[in-house]
Amino acid sequence: MYYLFLSTFRDPQWNVRILTRYEGKITSFLEANVPGHVKNAHEIQLRLEFGRLMAIITVGDREFQFNVCSMIESSQ
């Protein structure tokens, strides 16, 4: 027996929906864990990596990578 897992979502706008829904929790996590977050502009990219939802945050020329689930859980 074989199982097939697809690393994708049905909704093409899934990343926008996640960022909109959890914006406050993600922002508070970034303020606590990413130096220079408040002062500088940043970019957040979401992607699936080995079945896990990962956030890649770019602040200036530095890049940080976090598990989105841990970002949401830690800021409760």
C-alpha atoms as a PDB file:
ATOM      1  CA  MET A   1       0.000   0.000   0.000  1.00  0.00           C
ATOM      2  CA  TYR A   2       1.277   3.476  -0.893  1.00  0.00           C
ATOM      3  CA  TYR A   3       0.282   6.867   0.466  1.00  0.00           C
ATOM      4  CA  LEU A   4       0.657  10.098  -1.456  1.00  0.00           C
ATOM      5  CA  PHE A   5       0.933  13.418   0.359  1.00  0.00           C
ATOM      6  CA  LEU A   6       0.774  16.665  -1.593  1.00  0.00           C
ATOM      7  CA  SER A   7       2.469  19.750  -0.205  1.00  0.00           C
ATOM      8  CA  THR A   8      -0.107  22.264  -1.328  1.00  0.00           C
ATOM      9  CA  PHE A   9      -3.428  23.866  -0.408  1.00  0.00           C
ATOM     10  CA  ARG A  10      -6.614  23.991  -2.451  1.00  0.00           C
ATOM     11  CA  ASP A  11      -7.021  27.727  -2.029  1.00  0.00           C
ATOM     12  CA  PRO A  12      -4.511  29.690  -4.166  1.00  0.00           C
ATOM     13  CA  GLN A  13      -4.689  32.611  -1.687  1.00  0.00           C
ATOM     14  CA  TRP A  14      -3.873  30.466   1.368  1.00  0.00           C
ATOM     15  CA  ASN A  15      -0.831  32.527   2.372  1.00  0.00           C
ATOM     16  CA  VAL A  16      -2.816  35.788   2.415  1.00  0.00           C
ATOM     17  CA  ARG A  17      -5.544  34.182   4.530  1.00  0.00           C
ATOM     18  CA  ILE A  18      -3.050  32.835   7.069  1.00  0.00           C
ATOM     19  CA  LEU A  19      -1.199  36.148   7.383  1.00  0.00           C
ATOM     20  CA  THR A  20      -4.486  38.047   7.764  1.00  0.00           C
ATOM     21  CA  ARG A  21      -5.870  35.635  10.371  1.00  0.00           C
ATOM     22  CA  TYR A  22      -2.740  35.431  12.550  1.00  0.00           C
ATOM     23  CA  GLU A  23      -1.217  38.863  11.902  1.00  0.00           C
ATOM     24  CA  GLY A  24      -1.235  39.947  15.550  1.00  0.00           C
ATOM     25  CA  LYS A  25       0.382  36.770  16.858  1.00  0.00           C
ATOM     26  CA  ILE A  26       3.011  36.717  14.120  1.00  0.00           C
ATOM     27  CA  THR A  27       3.826  40.393  14.722  1.00  0.00           C
ATOM     28  CA  SER A  28       4.294  39.899  18.473  1.00  0.00           C
ATOM     29  CA  PHE A  29       6.522  36.860  17.818  1.00  0.00           C
ATOM     30  CA  LEU A  30       8.663  38.880  15.407  1.00  0.00           C
ATOM     31  CA  GLU A  31       8.978  41.781  17.858  1.00  0.00           C
ATOM     32  CA  ALA A  32      10.319  39.373  20.485  1.00  0.00           C
ATOM     33  CA  ASN A  33      12.577  37.240  18.274  1.00  0.00           C
ATOM     34  CA  VAL A  34      13.793  39.227  15.268  1.00  0.00           C
ATOM     35  CA  PRO A  35      16.223  42.066  15.961  1.00  0.00           C
ATOM     36  CA  GLY A  36      15.436  45.237  14.041  1.00  0.00           C
ATOM     37  CA  HIS A  37      11.889  44.126  13.193  1.00  0.00           C
ATOM     38  CA  VAL A  38      10.198  47.294  14.419  1.00  0.00           C
ATOM     39  CA  LYS A  39      12.690  49.743  12.916  1.00  0.00           C
ATOM     40  CA  ASN A  40      13.115  48.211   9.463  1.00  0.00           C
ATOM     41  CA  ALA A  41      10.773  47.091   6.741  1.00  0.00           C
ATOM     42  CA  HIS A  42      10.435  43.341   6.489  1.00  0.00           C
ATOM     43  CA  GLU A  43       9.081  40.767   4.085  1.00  0.00           C
ATOM     44  CA  ILE A  44       7.308  37.555   5.082  1.00  0.00           C
ATOM     45  CA  GLN A  45       7.070  34.598   2.719  1.00  0.00           C
ATOM     46  CA  LEU A  46       5.182  31.440   3.617  1.00  0.00           C
ATOM     47  CA  ARG A  47       5.940  28.062   2.091  1.00  0.00           C
ATOM     48  CA  LEU A  48       5.440  24.395   2.759  1.00  0.00           C
ATOM     49  CA  GLU A  49       8.650  22.554   3.495  1.00  0.00           C
ATOM     50  CA  PHE A  50       8.493  18.800   4.124  1.00  0.00           C
ATOM     51  CA  GLY A  51       4.859  19.128   5.211  1.00  0.00           C
ATOM     52  CA  ARG A  52       5.523  21.999   7.628  1.00  0.00           C
ATOM     53  CA  LEU A  53       4.423  25.581   7.105  1.00  0.00           C
ATOM     54  CA  MET A  54       7.522  27.765   7.308  1.00  0.00           C
ATOM     55  CA  ALA A  55       7.878  31.553   7.382  1.00  0.00           C
ATOM     56  CA  ILE A  56      10.912  33.177   5.817  1.00  0.00           C
ATOM     57  CA  ILE A  57      11.351  36.696   7.197  1.00  0.00           C
ATOM     58  CA  THR A  58      13.717  39.088   5.441  1.00  0.00           C
ATOM     59  CA  VAL A  59      14.849  42.183   7.355  1.00  0.00           C
ATOM     60  CA  GLY A  60      17.329  44.229   5.361  1.00  0.00           C
ATOM     61  CA  ASP A  61      19.951  41.778   4.158  1.00  0.00           C
ATOM     62  CA  ARG A  62      19.318  39.198   6.912  1.00  0.00           C
ATOM     63  CA  GLU A  63      16.965  36.245   6.608  1.00  0.00           C
ATOM     64  CA  PHE A  64      15.253  34.289   9.387  1.00  0.00           C
ATOM     65  CA  GLN A  65      13.245  31.074   9.114  1.00  0.00           C
ATOM     66  CA  PHE A  66      10.610  29.952  11.624  1.00  0.00           C
ATOM     67  CA  ASN A  67       7.939  27.279  11.876  1.00  0.00           C
ATOM     68  CA  VAL A  68       4.606  29.135  11.611  1.00  0.00           C
ATOM     69  CA  CYS A  69       2.870  26.843  14.131  1.00  0.00           C
ATOM     70  CA  SER A  70       5.484  27.608  16.783  1.00  0.00           C
ATOM     71  CA  MET A  71       5.183  31.339  16.000  1.00  0.00           C
ATOM     72  CA  ILE A  72       1.434  31.241  16.605  1.00  0.00           C
ATOM     73  CA  GLU A  73       1.605  29.016  19.711  1.00  0.00           C
ATOM     74  CA  SER A  74       4.417  30.896  21.463  1.00  0.00           C
ATOM     75  CA  SER A  75       2.638  34.245  21.353  1.00  0.00           C
ATOM     76  CA  GLN A  76      -0.497  33.101  23.190  1.00  0.00           C
END
